[in-house]
């Protein structure tokens, strides 16, 4: 499970980097390619995975 979380974190971090490179570091960025999701969606998803990984490491 830990490796899965780490892979997802890397993929999402790459996605965030790609969006910032393509559209700039605009905090209100709307990424309309995926139904209008904002950059905050990806950053929030990454944050949740980081918390899961921390909990897994604490076990």
Protein backbone atom coordinates (compact mmCIF):
# COMPACT_ATOMS: atom_id res chain seq x y z
CA UNK A 1 0.00 0.00 0.00
CA UNK A 2 2.85 2.38 0.79
CA UNK A 3 4.32 2.02 -2.71
CA UNK A 4 0.89 2.70 -4.24
CA UNK A 5 0.52 5.89 -2.22
CA UNK A 6 4.03 7.00 -3.20
CA UNK A 7 3.33 6.35 -6.90
CA UNK A 8 0.09 8.33 -6.73
CA UNK A 9 1.83 11.17 -4.91
CA UNK A 10 4.51 11.35 -7.61
CA UNK A 11 1.93 11.32 -10.40
CA UNK A 12 -0.10 14.10 -8.77
CA UNK A 13 3.01 16.16 -7.97
CA UNK A 14 4.00 15.87 -11.65
CA UNK A 15 0.48 16.95 -12.65
CA UNK A 16 0.69 20.03 -10.39
CA UNK A 17 4.11 20.91 -11.80
CA UNK A 18 2.83 20.53 -15.37
CA UNK A 19 -0.19 22.75 -14.69
CA UNK A 20 1.93 25.45 -13.06
CA UNK A 21 4.40 25.39 -15.96
CA UNK A 22 1.61 25.57 -18.53
CA UNK A 23 -0.59 28.18 -16.80
CA UNK A 24 1.66 29.89 -14.28
CA UNK A 25 1.42 29.77 -10.49
CA UNK A 26 -2.03 31.36 -10.39
CA UNK A 27 -3.82 30.29 -7.15
CA UNK A 28 -7.22 30.61 -8.84
CA UNK A 29 -6.20 28.47 -11.79
CA UNK A 30 -9.13 26.69 -13.37
CA UNK A 31 -8.07 23.61 -15.28
CA UNK A 32 -11.01 23.13 -17.60
CA UNK A 33 -9.62 20.03 -19.32
CA UNK A 34 -11.04 17.93 -16.47
CA UNK A 35 -14.49 19.35 -15.92
CA UNK A 36 -13.30 22.68 -14.53
CA UNK A 37 -11.34 21.32 -11.58
CA UNK A 38 -9.07 23.85 -9.97
CA UNK A 39 -5.39 23.39 -9.22
CA UNK A 40 -6.46 23.29 -5.56
CA UNK A 41 -8.15 19.95 -6.24
CA UNK A 42 -4.81 18.37 -7.16
CA UNK A 43 -2.98 20.03 -4.27
CA UNK A 44 -5.69 18.83 -1.86
CA UNK A 45 -5.49 15.30 -3.23
CA UNK A 46 -1.71 15.33 -2.77
CA UNK A 47 -2.13 16.54 0.80
CA UNK A 48 -4.50 13.68 1.65
CA UNK A 49 -2.07 11.12 0.23
CA UNK A 50 0.78 12.65 2.24
CA UNK A 51 -1.30 12.27 5.42
CA UNK A 52 -2.11 8.65 4.57
CA UNK A 53 1.56 7.92 4.02
CA UNK A 54 2.45 9.53 7.37
CA UNK A 55 -0.17 7.40 9.14
CA UNK A 56 1.10 4.27 7.43
CA UNK A 57 4.68 5.02 8.50
CA UNK A 58 3.54 5.58 12.11
CA UNK A 59 2.00 2.08 12.31
